[in-house]
Amino acid sequence: MRVQVKMSETTELILGIAALIVVITLTRRYHAWRMKRAYIFIIDDLKKNGAYSAHSAVDLPYAKRNLLKMGLRQHHPQALDHLIMENIVGKSEDGRYYLIQGNVRL
């Protein structure tokens, strides 16, 4: 014999809103984690290539957004823009990138 549990509309609404809040929070945390990984990847890549000044600047293939990957979120170009705005990474006149602050810790 099956017992049927009836929830009121208020309870269903509260549970639905709570589930929506959980989904939004987890999505924001996931994208923040991906951005942090992109920051670390870019800084490590510039350190590995020895790009510490405009003279030793390097091209970064992931600096531009790829139109072929439409629908997929690309975190590297956005992370690079944030690093430039925070004066952690510099961009030379010819479009190459270098570390301004060599001892960055994230």
C-alpha atoms as a PDB file:
ATOM      1  CA  MET A   1       0.000   0.000   0.000  1.00  0.00           C
ATOM      2  CA  ARG A   2       1.438   3.340  -1.072  1.00  0.00           C
ATOM      3  CA  VAL A   3       1.099   6.411   1.115  1.00  0.00           C
ATOM      4  CA  GLN A   4       0.578   9.583  -0.833  1.00  0.00           C
ATOM      5  CA  VAL A   5       2.111  12.727   0.623  1.00  0.00           C
ATOM      6  CA  LYS A   6       0.527  15.995  -0.377  1.00  0.00           C
ATOM      7  CA  MET A   7       2.503  19.207  -0.209  1.00  0.00           C
ATOM      8  CA  SER A   8       0.875  22.573  -0.073  1.00  0.00           C
ATOM      9  CA  GLU A   9       1.552  25.076  -2.848  1.00  0.00           C
ATOM     10  CA  THR A  10       3.541  27.209  -0.427  1.00  0.00           C
ATOM     11  CA  THR A  11       5.861  24.311   0.413  1.00  0.00           C
ATOM     12  CA  GLU A  12       6.357  23.510  -3.292  1.00  0.00           C
ATOM     13  CA  LEU A  13       7.134  27.158  -4.012  1.00  0.00           C
ATOM     14  CA  ILE A  14       9.653  27.372  -1.169  1.00  0.00           C
ATOM     15  CA  LEU A  15      11.383  24.162  -2.292  1.00  0.00           C
ATOM     16  CA  GLY A  16      11.475  25.386  -5.887  1.00  0.00           C
ATOM     17  CA  ILE A  17      13.035  28.716  -4.894  1.00  0.00           C
ATOM     18  CA  ALA A  18      15.555  26.957  -2.643  1.00  0.00           C
ATOM     19  CA  ALA A  19      16.556  24.626  -5.495  1.00  0.00           C
ATOM     20  CA  LEU A  20      16.968  27.615  -7.824  1.00  0.00           C
ATOM     21  CA  ILE A  21      19.191  29.399  -5.293  1.00  0.00           C
ATOM     22  CA  VAL A  22      21.355  26.278  -4.923  1.00  0.00           C
ATOM     23  CA  VAL A  23      21.750  25.939  -8.708  1.00  0.00           C
ATOM     24  CA  ILE A  24      22.678  29.615  -9.136  1.00  0.00           C
ATOM     25  CA  THR A  25      25.186  29.463  -6.275  1.00  0.00           C
ATOM     26  CA  LEU A  26      26.863  26.311  -7.606  1.00  0.00           C
ATOM     27  CA  THR A  27      27.060  27.787 -11.122  1.00  0.00           C
ATOM     28  CA  ARG A  28      28.703  30.971  -9.845  1.00  0.00           C
ATOM     29  CA  ARG A  29      31.205  28.971  -7.791  1.00  0.00           C
ATOM     30  CA  TYR A  30      32.052  26.804 -10.797  1.00  0.00           C
ATOM     31  CA  HIS A  31      32.757  29.813 -13.014  1.00  0.00           C
ATOM     32  CA  ALA A  32      34.809  31.491 -10.268  1.00  0.00           C
ATOM     33  CA  TRP A  33      36.870  28.293  -9.965  1.00  0.00           C
ATOM     34  CA  ARG A  34      37.387  28.206 -13.759  1.00  0.00           C
ATOM     35  CA  MET A  35      38.460  31.878 -13.788  1.00  0.00           C
ATOM     36  CA  LYS A  36      40.979  31.260 -10.998  1.00  0.00           C
ATOM     37  CA  ARG A  37      42.402  28.312 -12.938  1.00  0.00           C
ATOM     38  CA  ALA A  38      42.677  30.556 -16.014  1.00  0.00           C
ATOM     39  CA  TYR A  39      44.525  33.242 -13.982  1.00  0.00           C
ATOM     40  CA  ILE A  40      47.003  30.686 -12.690  1.00  0.00           C
ATOM     41  CA  PHE A  41      47.462  29.130 -16.140  1.00  0.00           C
ATOM     42  CA  ILE A  42      48.191  32.512 -17.784  1.00  0.00           C
ATOM     43  CA  ILE A  43      50.638  33.628 -15.089  1.00  0.00           C
ATOM     44  CA  ASP A  44      52.450  30.276 -15.112  1.00  0.00           C
ATOM     45  CA  ASP A  45      52.620  30.359 -18.916  1.00  0.00           C
ATOM     46  CA  LEU A  46      54.166  33.833 -18.911  1.00  0.00           C
ATOM     47  CA  LYS A  47      56.648  32.820 -16.188  1.00  0.00           C
ATOM     48  CA  LYS A  48      57.567  29.655 -18.095  1.00  0.00           C
ATOM     49  CA  ASN A  49      58.270  31.726 -21.223  1.00  0.00           C
ATOM     50  CA  GLY A  50      60.278  34.307 -19.256  1.00  0.00           C
ATOM     51  CA  ALA A  51      58.006  37.197 -20.276  1.00  0.00           C
ATOM     52  CA  TYR A  52      58.895  39.738 -17.586  1.00  0.00           C
ATOM     53  CA  SER A  53      59.168  42.884 -19.745  1.00  0.00           C
ATOM     54  CA  ALA A  54      57.906  44.344 -23.011  1.00  0.00           C
ATOM     55  CA  HIS A  55      61.133  43.183 -24.698  1.00  0.00           C
ATOM     56  CA  SER A  56      60.581  39.554 -23.722  1.00  0.00           C
ATOM     57  CA  ALA A  57      56.796  39.599 -24.271  1.00  0.00           C
ATOM     58  CA  VAL A  58      55.189  36.568 -25.912  1.00  0.00           C
ATOM     59  CA  ASP A  59      52.138  35.850 -28.030  1.00  0.00           C
ATOM     60  CA  LEU A  60      49.365  33.987 -26.250  1.00  0.00           C
ATOM     61  CA  PRO A  61      47.235  31.845 -28.581  1.00  0.00           C
ATOM     62  CA  TYR A  62      44.294  31.883 -26.174  1.00  0.00           C
ATOM     63  CA  ALA A  63      44.198  35.690 -25.917  1.00  0.00           C
ATOM     64  CA  LYS A  64      41.591  36.012 -28.651  1.00  0.00           C
ATOM     65  CA  ARG A  65      38.103  34.587 -28.497  1.00  0.00           C
ATOM     66  CA  ASN A  66      37.516  31.704 -30.872  1.00  0.00           C
ATOM     67  CA  LEU A  67      34.283  32.034 -32.823  1.00  0.00           C
ATOM     68  CA  LEU A  68      34.344  28.326 -33.683  1.00  0.00           C
ATOM     69  CA  LYS A  69      33.802  27.440 -30.023  1.00  0.00           C
ATOM     70  CA  MET A  70      30.472  29.200 -29.903  1.00  0.00           C
ATOM     71  CA  GLY A  71      28.366  28.080 -26.989  1.00  0.00           C
ATOM     72  CA  LEU A  72      31.370  27.103 -24.853  1.00  0.00           C
ATOM     73  CA  ARG A  73      32.496  29.593 -22.242  1.00  0.00           C
ATOM     74  CA  GLN A  74      36.068  30.691 -22.836  1.00  0.00           C
ATOM     75  CA  HIS A  75      37.633  31.863 -19.578  1.00  0.00           C
ATOM     76  CA  HIS A  76      41.189  32.621 -20.729  1.00  0.00           C
ATOM     77  CA  PRO A  77      40.452  35.808 -22.751  1.00  0.00           C
ATOM     78  CA  GLN A  78      38.298  37.213 -19.945  1.00  0.00           C
ATOM     79  CA  ALA A  79      40.893  36.292 -17.301  1.00  0.00           C
ATOM     80  CA  LEU A  80      43.620  37.932 -19.386  1.00  0.00           C
ATOM     81  CA  ASP A  81      41.544  41.127 -19.648  1.00  0.00           C
ATOM     82  CA  HIS A  82      41.144  41.168 -15.843  1.00  0.00           C
ATOM     83  CA  LEU A  83      44.871  40.615 -15.306  1.00  0.00           C
ATOM     84  CA  ILE A  84      45.644  43.532 -17.637  1.00  0.00           C
ATOM     85  CA  MET A  85      43.164  45.806 -15.825  1.00  0.00           C
ATOM     86  CA  GLU A  86      44.743  44.903 -12.468  1.00  0.00           C
ATOM     87  CA  ASN A  87      48.255  45.711 -13.834  1.00  0.00           C
ATOM     88  CA  ILE A  88      49.484  42.178 -13.273  1.00  0.00           C
ATOM     89  CA  VAL A  89      49.973  41.514 -16.987  1.00  0.00           C
ATOM     90  CA  GLY A  90      51.006  44.089 -19.573  1.00  0.00           C
ATOM     91  CA  LYS A  91      50.361  44.250 -23.297  1.00  0.00           C
ATOM     92  CA  SER A  92      53.062  45.528 -25.622  1.00  0.00           C
ATOM     93  CA  GLU A  93      52.366  47.777 -28.597  1.00  0.00           C
ATOM     94  CA  ASP A  94      52.587  44.828 -30.980  1.00  0.00           C
ATOM     95  CA  GLY A  95      49.960  42.832 -29.032  1.00  0.00           C
ATOM     96  CA  ARG A  96      52.218  40.519 -27.037  1.00  0.00           C
ATOM     97  CA  TYR A  97      51.888  39.923 -23.289  1.00  0.00           C
ATOM     98  CA  TYR A  98      54.286  40.024 -20.321  1.00  0.00           C
ATOM     99  CA  LEU A  99      54.192  39.946 -16.515  1.00  0.00           C
ATOM    100  CA  ILE A 100      54.407  43.312 -14.791  1.00  0.00           C
ATOM    101  CA  GLN A 101      54.495  41.820 -11.298  1.00  0.00           C
ATOM    102  CA  GLY A 102      56.688  38.735 -11.349  1.00  0.00           C
ATOM    103  CA  ASN A 103      55.919  37.550  -7.816  1.00  0.00           C
ATOM    104  CA  VAL A 104      52.140  37.288  -8.091  1.00  0.00           C
ATOM    105  CA  ARG A 105      50.349  34.864  -5.781  1.00  0.00           C
ATOM    106  CA  LEU A 106      46.740  33.851  -6.298  1.00  0.00           C
END
